[in-house]
Structure formats: structure tokens, C-alpha cells
Amino acid sequence: MGILEVENLYYKYPDGTEALNGINFKAEKGEMVALLGPNGAGKSTLFLHFNGILKPYKGNVLVKGKPIKYNSKSLLEVRKTVGIVFQNSDDQLFAPTVKQDVAFGPLNLGLSKEEVEKRVKEALKAVGMEQFENKPPHHLSGGQKKRVAIAGILAMEPEVIVLDEPTAGLDPIGASHIMKLLYNLNKKGITIIISTHDVDLVPIYANKVYIMSEGQIIKEGEPKVVFNDSEIIRKANLRLPRVAHLIEILNREDNVPIKMGYTIGEVRRNLKKYFEGHCDIE
């Protein structure tokens, strides 16, 4: 049983356009799952079902094995378990100060002032923003806003954090910092689910990958399994990770029969084995 599951889910937009068409998805407790797909594939729409923001017209979303019931009491319990960080942090940050923003969720749980203070401090420390608690969110950089948005969800103490394009709009260093933060949260036992266009990051961090196209899941599995199917990757208007693309070219155009690799470390080891068997290297 997964901590979050979707069974045969369908969703239509108000104009009748079918956005999700028979989605099946599962995240096990403690996994980091990446959802890849082009713009318009349905990734954000699917994510909004994970804690009941949207309601399917057919199918079920199960949290810890129980189908979501779309009443206020049930949804409150679901949102204690599953927190969503939106792609645009400005959609999530609205309070006058960082501290007040992070405190908003816990206060709505009816927690004591002392417990709220404790959670806010712990959440801001976890994302490295404890020195910014009295700063207005709109004065922060994009990466800092993303960290505060994550802190606001962390303060709810969820078991699952869902992030829509967490590295969008960030420079490479900022994106790396956010992914390392998510990796560390995942190592503490929080299930992390992200959507991303950055295929180079996925093999480094994710345990499982889903590929979406036109409202359907067209491939799923471990990163090595998914990225080994270059036809599916390109069908979804995606690309292989850069290092995997390099190996593909070496195999096809230069007759260098080394094993596929998806990270720099893997490719380095595979190249070293190949050249040690064919010539001396320094």
C-alpha cells in the first residue's frame, strides 16, 4: 500500500476538455518521485488532486490507503498528511512577514501559540531561513521565496510534500540548493513528489519516475528503466539527461560500446572500464 495512490483517475476542465485520462500513480512512504512531461501534459492538474484541491469526475485518490472524501473535515486531515508547494511562490506567500506566513497553516490547525512558535522555528531552520523571519516575503529572492513556501508546508508536519516545478525560475546554483534541501528532507522520512523539466536532476535524486503526455502516464519505473527508453522520452517531447545523450551518441556514431549512464559518476566509471580494456590511460 502506497502512502499516496491514484486509481483510474479522470478529470475534465469546466469547458469539457479532458485533462486527465485514466491516471494510475503510487508513491511509497519515503520515496522521492519525479513526474516528467511537457507543458500541458496534466502534471499540475494531477498534483491538485493529491490533497483534494480538485475532485475527479471518475476514479479515486487514496491517502494512506483511504479514499479522499470531499468534505471539510476529511480534507483537513488529508492536508495534514499531503502538502503542496506551488510553482509560483508568490501564489503561496501573502503575509506581511516570513514568520507570519509560515505560521498560517499551523494556526489554522488550531494549535497552541507555543506549538506554532516551535513549528515555525523548526521549519525555518530546516530550510536555512531562520534569519529572515521578520522580513517581508516580497523582498526575498526567488530561491528564498521557494524555501519559505516549503517551510510553510513543513510547519504542518506533513508526511508527503508535493512540489510543482520546484526549480523553475532559479539559476543552476539555486536549483541545486533546493534539490539538496528536498533530498535532506526525504532522508528524514518525508515522501517527496516533484514535477520538473530538468531531466538532468532526476537520476541524481529520484527513486521513481513517471512520464506524462496528453493526460496519461506513458512510462513509469526506476530512472534507469525510464531513461533507457529513448523513444518514449522523445515521444513526450523530453530529452535524455545530457550524460546519457552523450553515451547514446558514442554508442551510435562512434561505435564505443559502453554501458549507458545517467550521472557523471556512472559515465566516468563506464568510460574508465572501456578505455582500460582498450588502451592505457593516465
Protein backbone atom coordinates (compact mmCIF):
# COMPACT_ATOMS: atom_id res chain seq x y z
CA MET A 1 0.00 0.00 0.00
CA GLY A 2 1.41 3.39 -1.02
CA ILE A 3 1.17 6.49 1.14
CA LEU A 4 -0.41 8.27 -1.84
CA GLU A 5 -2.21 6.48 -4.68
CA VAL A 6 -4.32 7.44 -7.67
CA GLU A 7 -6.65 4.86 -9.21
CA ASN A 8 -8.03 5.25 -12.74
CA LEU A 9 -8.43 9.00 -12.34
CA TYR A 10 -10.23 11.20 -14.87
CA TYR A 11 -10.70 14.95 -14.75
CA LYS A 12 -12.42 17.42 -17.07
CA TYR A 13 -11.99 21.17 -17.10
CA PRO A 14 -15.20 23.22 -16.77
CA ASP A 15 -15.25 23.70 -20.58
CA GLY A 16 -15.42 19.91 -21.01
CA THR A 17 -11.79 19.38 -22.05
CA GLU A 18 -10.48 16.10 -20.65
CA ALA A 19 -7.24 16.88 -18.77
CA LEU A 20 -6.54 13.52 -17.11
CA ASN A 21 -7.43 10.25 -18.75
CA GLY A 22 -7.18 7.11 -16.61
CA ILE A 23 -4.21 8.03 -14.39
CA ASN A 24 -2.71 5.40 -12.08
CA PHE A 25 0.04 6.58 -9.74
CA LYS A 26 1.61 5.39 -6.50
CA ALA A 27 4.19 6.87 -4.14
CA GLU A 28 5.52 4.66 -1.37
CA LYS A 29 6.44 6.10 2.01
CA GLY A 30 9.96 7.56 1.97
CA GLU A 31 10.31 7.71 -1.82
CA MET A 32 11.34 10.65 -3.96
CA VAL A 33 9.20 10.52 -7.09
CA ALA A 34 9.67 12.68 -10.20
CA LEU A 35 6.89 13.40 -12.68
CA LEU A 36 8.13 14.46 -16.12
CA GLY A 37 6.23 15.75 -19.10
CA PRO A 38 5.86 18.70 -21.44
CA ASN A 39 3.73 21.76 -20.70
CA GLY A 40 0.07 20.83 -20.95
CA ALA A 41 0.63 17.17 -20.12
CA GLY A 42 -1.53 17.44 -16.97
CA LYS A 43 1.15 17.39 -14.26
CA SER A 44 -0.14 20.40 -12.31
CA THR A 45 -3.73 19.24 -12.66
CA LEU A 46 -2.80 15.83 -11.26
CA PHE A 47 -0.94 17.40 -8.34
CA LEU A 48 -4.02 19.43 -7.38
CA HIS A 49 -5.86 16.14 -6.85
CA PHE A 50 -3.28 14.86 -4.37
CA ASN A 51 -4.73 16.77 -1.42
CA GLY A 52 -8.25 17.38 -2.66
CA ILE A 53 -7.96 20.84 -4.22
CA LEU A 54 -9.54 19.31 -7.32
CA LYS A 55 -12.10 16.50 -7.35
CA PRO A 56 -12.05 13.89 -10.14
CA TYR A 57 -15.20 13.05 -12.03
CA LYS A 58 -14.07 9.42 -12.03
CA GLY A 59 -11.53 7.42 -10.04
CA ASN A 60 -10.05 7.73 -6.57
CA VAL A 61 -7.20 9.40 -4.73
CA LEU A 62 -6.11 7.42 -1.68
CA VAL A 63 -4.05 8.85 1.17
CA LYS A 64 -2.60 6.18 3.46
CA GLY A 65 -4.97 3.68 1.88
CA LYS A 66 -8.17 5.71 2.40
CA PRO A 67 -10.05 7.43 -0.45
CA ILE A 68 -10.34 11.18 -0.09
CA LYS A 69 -13.79 12.31 0.98
CA TYR A 70 -14.51 15.82 -0.20
CA ASN A 71 -15.92 17.31 2.98
CA SER A 72 -14.15 19.91 5.13
CA LYS A 73 -13.25 17.55 7.99
CA SER A 74 -11.78 14.89 5.69
CA LEU A 75 -9.89 17.44 3.59
CA LEU A 76 -8.32 18.97 6.70
CA GLU A 77 -6.95 15.56 7.66
CA VAL A 78 -5.69 14.94 4.12
CA ARG A 79 -3.88 18.29 4.08
CA LYS A 80 -2.15 17.46 7.35
CA THR A 81 -0.62 14.50 5.51
CA VAL A 82 -0.09 15.92 2.00
CA GLY A 83 1.24 19.46 1.48
CA ILE A 84 1.59 21.15 -1.91
CA VAL A 85 4.16 23.78 -2.88
CA PHE A 86 3.00 25.65 -5.99
CA GLN A 87 5.26 26.50 -8.90
CA ASN A 88 4.97 30.26 -8.34
CA SER A 89 5.90 31.02 -4.73
CA ASP A 90 4.07 34.36 -4.94
CA ASP A 91 0.82 32.38 -5.16
CA GLN A 92 1.60 30.90 -1.75
CA LEU A 93 3.20 33.79 0.18
CA PHE A 94 0.86 36.57 1.28
CA ALA A 95 1.53 37.54 4.93
CA PRO A 96 3.46 40.71 5.92
CA THR A 97 6.42 38.73 7.28
CA VAL A 98 8.07 35.37 6.69
CA LYS A 99 7.24 34.27 10.24
CA GLN A 100 3.54 35.07 9.84
CA ASP A 101 3.44 33.28 6.52
CA VAL A 102 4.94 30.07 7.89
CA ALA A 103 2.67 30.26 10.93
CA PHE A 104 -0.52 30.48 8.86
CA GLY A 105 -1.00 26.72 8.35
CA PRO A 106 -0.32 25.63 11.95
CA LEU A 107 -2.61 28.39 13.29
CA ASN A 108 -5.42 27.04 11.11
CA LEU A 109 -4.90 23.63 12.69
CA GLY A 110 -5.91 25.20 16.00
CA LEU A 111 -2.55 24.57 17.64
CA SER A 112 -1.38 26.44 20.73
CA LYS A 113 0.73 29.57 20.37
CA GLU A 114 3.70 27.73 21.85
CA GLU A 115 3.37 24.84 19.39
CA VAL A 116 3.03 27.22 16.45
CA GLU A 117 6.16 29.12 17.53
CA LYS A 118 8.05 25.84 17.83
CA ARG A 119 6.98 24.60 14.40
CA VAL A 120 7.79 27.91 12.70
CA LYS A 121 11.30 27.99 14.18
CA GLU A 122 11.97 24.36 13.26
CA ALA A 123 10.62 24.79 9.71
CA LEU A 124 12.64 27.95 9.02
CA LYS A 125 15.76 26.33 10.43
CA ALA A 126 15.22 23.25 8.22
CA VAL A 127 15.22 25.41 5.08
CA GLY A 128 18.01 27.74 6.23
CA MET A 129 15.78 30.83 6.54
CA GLU A 130 15.75 31.36 10.32
CA GLN A 131 17.45 34.76 9.96
CA PHE A 132 14.66 36.07 7.72
CA GLU A 133 11.61 35.60 9.94
CA ASN A 134 10.78 39.32 10.18
CA LYS A 135 11.46 40.12 6.52
CA PRO A 136 8.58 40.75 4.06
CA PRO A 137 8.38 37.81 1.63
CA HIS A 138 8.22 40.11 -1.39
CA HIS A 139 11.72 41.37 -0.53
CA LEU A 140 13.21 37.88 -0.93
CA SER A 141 14.92 36.33 -3.94
CA GLY A 142 13.22 33.59 -5.95
CA GLY A 143 15.15 30.85 -4.20
CA GLN A 144 14.46 32.33 -0.77
CA LYS A 145 10.75 32.57 -1.53
CA LYS A 146 10.78 28.90 -2.56
CA ARG A 147 12.42 27.98 0.75
CA VAL A 148 9.82 29.95 2.72
CA ALA A 149 6.99 28.29 0.77
CA ILE A 150 8.49 24.89 1.64
CA ALA A 151 8.82 25.98 5.29
CA GLY A 152 5.13 26.87 5.35
CA ILE A 153 4.30 23.31 4.33
CA LEU A 154 6.90 21.79 6.67
CA ALA A 155 5.31 23.60 9.61
CA MET A 156 2.20 21.49 9.02
CA GLU A 157 4.40 18.42 9.62
CA PRO A 158 3.17 16.53 6.54
CA GLU A 159 4.26 13.03 5.57
CA VAL A 160 4.21 13.93 1.86
CA ILE A 161 5.38 17.14 0.18
CA VAL A 162 4.34 17.70 -3.45
CA LEU A 163 6.25 20.37 -5.37
CA ASP A 164 5.25 21.68 -8.79
CA GLU A 165 8.43 22.65 -10.70
CA PRO A 166 10.47 23.46 -7.54
CA THR A 167 13.49 24.66 -9.56
CA ALA A 168 11.56 26.77 -12.10
CA GLY A 169 12.98 30.28 -12.48
CA LEU A 170 16.05 29.55 -10.37
CA ASP A 171 19.66 29.77 -11.53
CA PRO A 172 21.68 26.50 -11.53
CA ILE A 173 23.12 27.08 -8.05
CA GLY A 174 19.70 27.98 -6.63
CA ALA A 175 18.15 24.90 -8.25
CA SER A 176 20.89 22.70 -6.80
CA HIS A 177 20.32 24.15 -3.31
CA ILE A 178 16.58 23.44 -3.50
CA MET A 179 17.15 19.86 -4.67
CA LYS A 180 19.66 19.24 -1.89
CA LEU A 181 17.13 20.60 0.60
CA LEU A 182 14.48 18.21 -0.73
CA TYR A 183 16.98 15.35 -0.68
CA ASN A 184 17.72 16.03 3.00
CA LEU A 185 14.01 16.22 3.86
CA ASN A 186 13.50 12.94 2.03
CA LYS A 187 16.30 11.32 4.06
CA LYS A 188 14.42 12.33 7.20
CA GLY A 189 11.49 10.20 6.02
CA ILE A 190 9.28 12.71 4.18
CA THR A 191 7.94 11.43 0.86
CA ILE A 192 8.79 13.93 -1.86
CA ILE A 193 6.94 14.19 -5.18
CA ILE A 194 8.12 16.73 -7.75
CA SER A 195 7.30 17.71 -11.30
CA THR A 196 10.21 19.06 -13.29
CA HIS A 197 11.54 19.77 -16.78
CA ASP A 198 15.11 19.40 -15.55
CA VAL A 199 15.82 15.81 -16.58
CA ASP A 200 19.47 16.11 -15.51
CA LEU A 201 18.45 16.35 -11.85
CA VAL A 202 16.10 13.37 -11.88
CA PRO A 203 18.59 10.44 -11.97
CA ILE A 204 20.58 12.05 -9.15
CA TYR A 205 17.68 12.37 -6.71
CA ALA A 206 14.60 10.34 -7.70
CA ASN A 207 13.83 6.72 -6.82
CA LYS A 208 10.96 6.51 -9.28
CA VAL A 209 9.96 8.37 -12.44
CA TYR A 210 6.62 8.82 -14.18
CA ILE A 211 6.35 10.22 -17.72
CA MET A 212 3.13 12.07 -18.60
CA SER A 213 1.86 13.01 -22.04
CA GLU A 214 -1.58 14.30 -23.03
CA GLY A 215 -3.17 13.49 -19.69
CA GLN A 216 -1.84 9.94 -19.44
CA ILE A 217 1.05 8.12 -17.76
CA ILE A 218 3.04 6.61 -20.64
CA LYS A 219 6.02 5.20 -18.71
CA GLU A 220 6.98 4.54 -15.09
CA GLY A 221 9.79 2.89 -13.20
CA GLU A 222 13.26 3.48 -11.83
CA PRO A 223 15.23 6.25 -13.59
CA LYS A 224 17.49 3.74 -15.39
CA VAL A 225 14.47 1.87 -16.75
CA VAL A 226 12.62 5.01 -17.86
CA PHE A 227 15.58 6.82 -19.41
CA ASN A 228 16.65 3.67 -21.23
CA ASP A 229 13.52 4.06 -23.37
CA SER A 230 14.67 6.98 -25.50
CA GLU A 231 11.72 6.55 -27.87
CA ILE A 232 9.21 7.22 -25.08
CA ILE A 233 11.28 10.12 -23.74
CA ARG A 234 11.24 11.82 -27.12
CA LYS A 235 7.59 10.98 -27.72
CA ALA A 236 6.86 13.06 -24.61
CA ASN A 237 8.88 15.98 -26.05
CA LEU A 238 11.57 15.47 -23.43
CA ARG A 239 15.24 14.68 -23.78
CA LEU A 240 17.66 12.26 -22.16
CA PRO A 241 19.90 13.55 -19.38
CA ARG A 242 22.94 15.20 -21.01
CA VAL A 243 25.35 12.47 -19.96
CA ALA A 244 23.01 9.72 -21.19
CA HIS A 245 22.67 11.53 -24.51
CA LEU A 246 26.47 11.60 -24.77
CA ILE A 247 26.64 7.82 -24.26
CA GLU A 248 23.88 7.33 -26.84
CA ILE A 249 25.94 9.30 -29.41
CA LEU A 250 29.14 7.41 -28.55
CA ASN A 251 27.31 4.09 -28.97
CA ARG A 252 25.58 5.02 -32.23
CA GLU A 253 28.05 7.24 -34.06
CA ASP A 254 31.48 6.32 -32.69
CA ASN A 255 30.99 2.58 -32.06
CA VAL A 256 32.09 2.96 -28.43
CA PRO A 257 30.04 0.16 -26.80
CA ILE A 258 29.99 1.40 -23.22
CA LYS A 259 27.06 0.96 -20.84
CA MET A 260 24.51 3.72 -20.56
CA GLY A 261 25.00 6.07 -17.62
CA TYR A 262 22.73 8.74 -16.17
CA THR A 263 25.06 10.65 -13.85
CA ILE A 264 28.58 11.98 -14.35
CA GLY A 265 29.91 9.40 -11.87
CA GLU A 266 28.33 6.48 -13.74
CA VAL A 267 29.61 7.67 -17.11
CA ARG A 268 33.11 8.24 -15.75
CA ARG A 269 33.24 4.69 -14.35
CA ASN A 270 31.90 3.18 -17.59
CA LEU A 271 34.34 5.13 -19.75
CA LYS A 272 37.24 4.16 -17.49
CA LYS A 273 36.35 0.46 -17.76
CA TYR A 274 36.10 0.73 -21.54
CA PHE A 275 39.41 2.52 -22.05
CA GLU A 276 41.26 0.29 -19.58
CA GLY A 277 40.27 -2.62 -21.77
CA HIS A 278 41.41 -0.96 -25.00
CA CYS A 279 44.36 1.32 -24.25
CA ASP A 280 46.47 2.74 -21.48
CA ILE A 281 45.11 5.85 -19.79
CA GLU A 282 46.80 8.14 -17.34
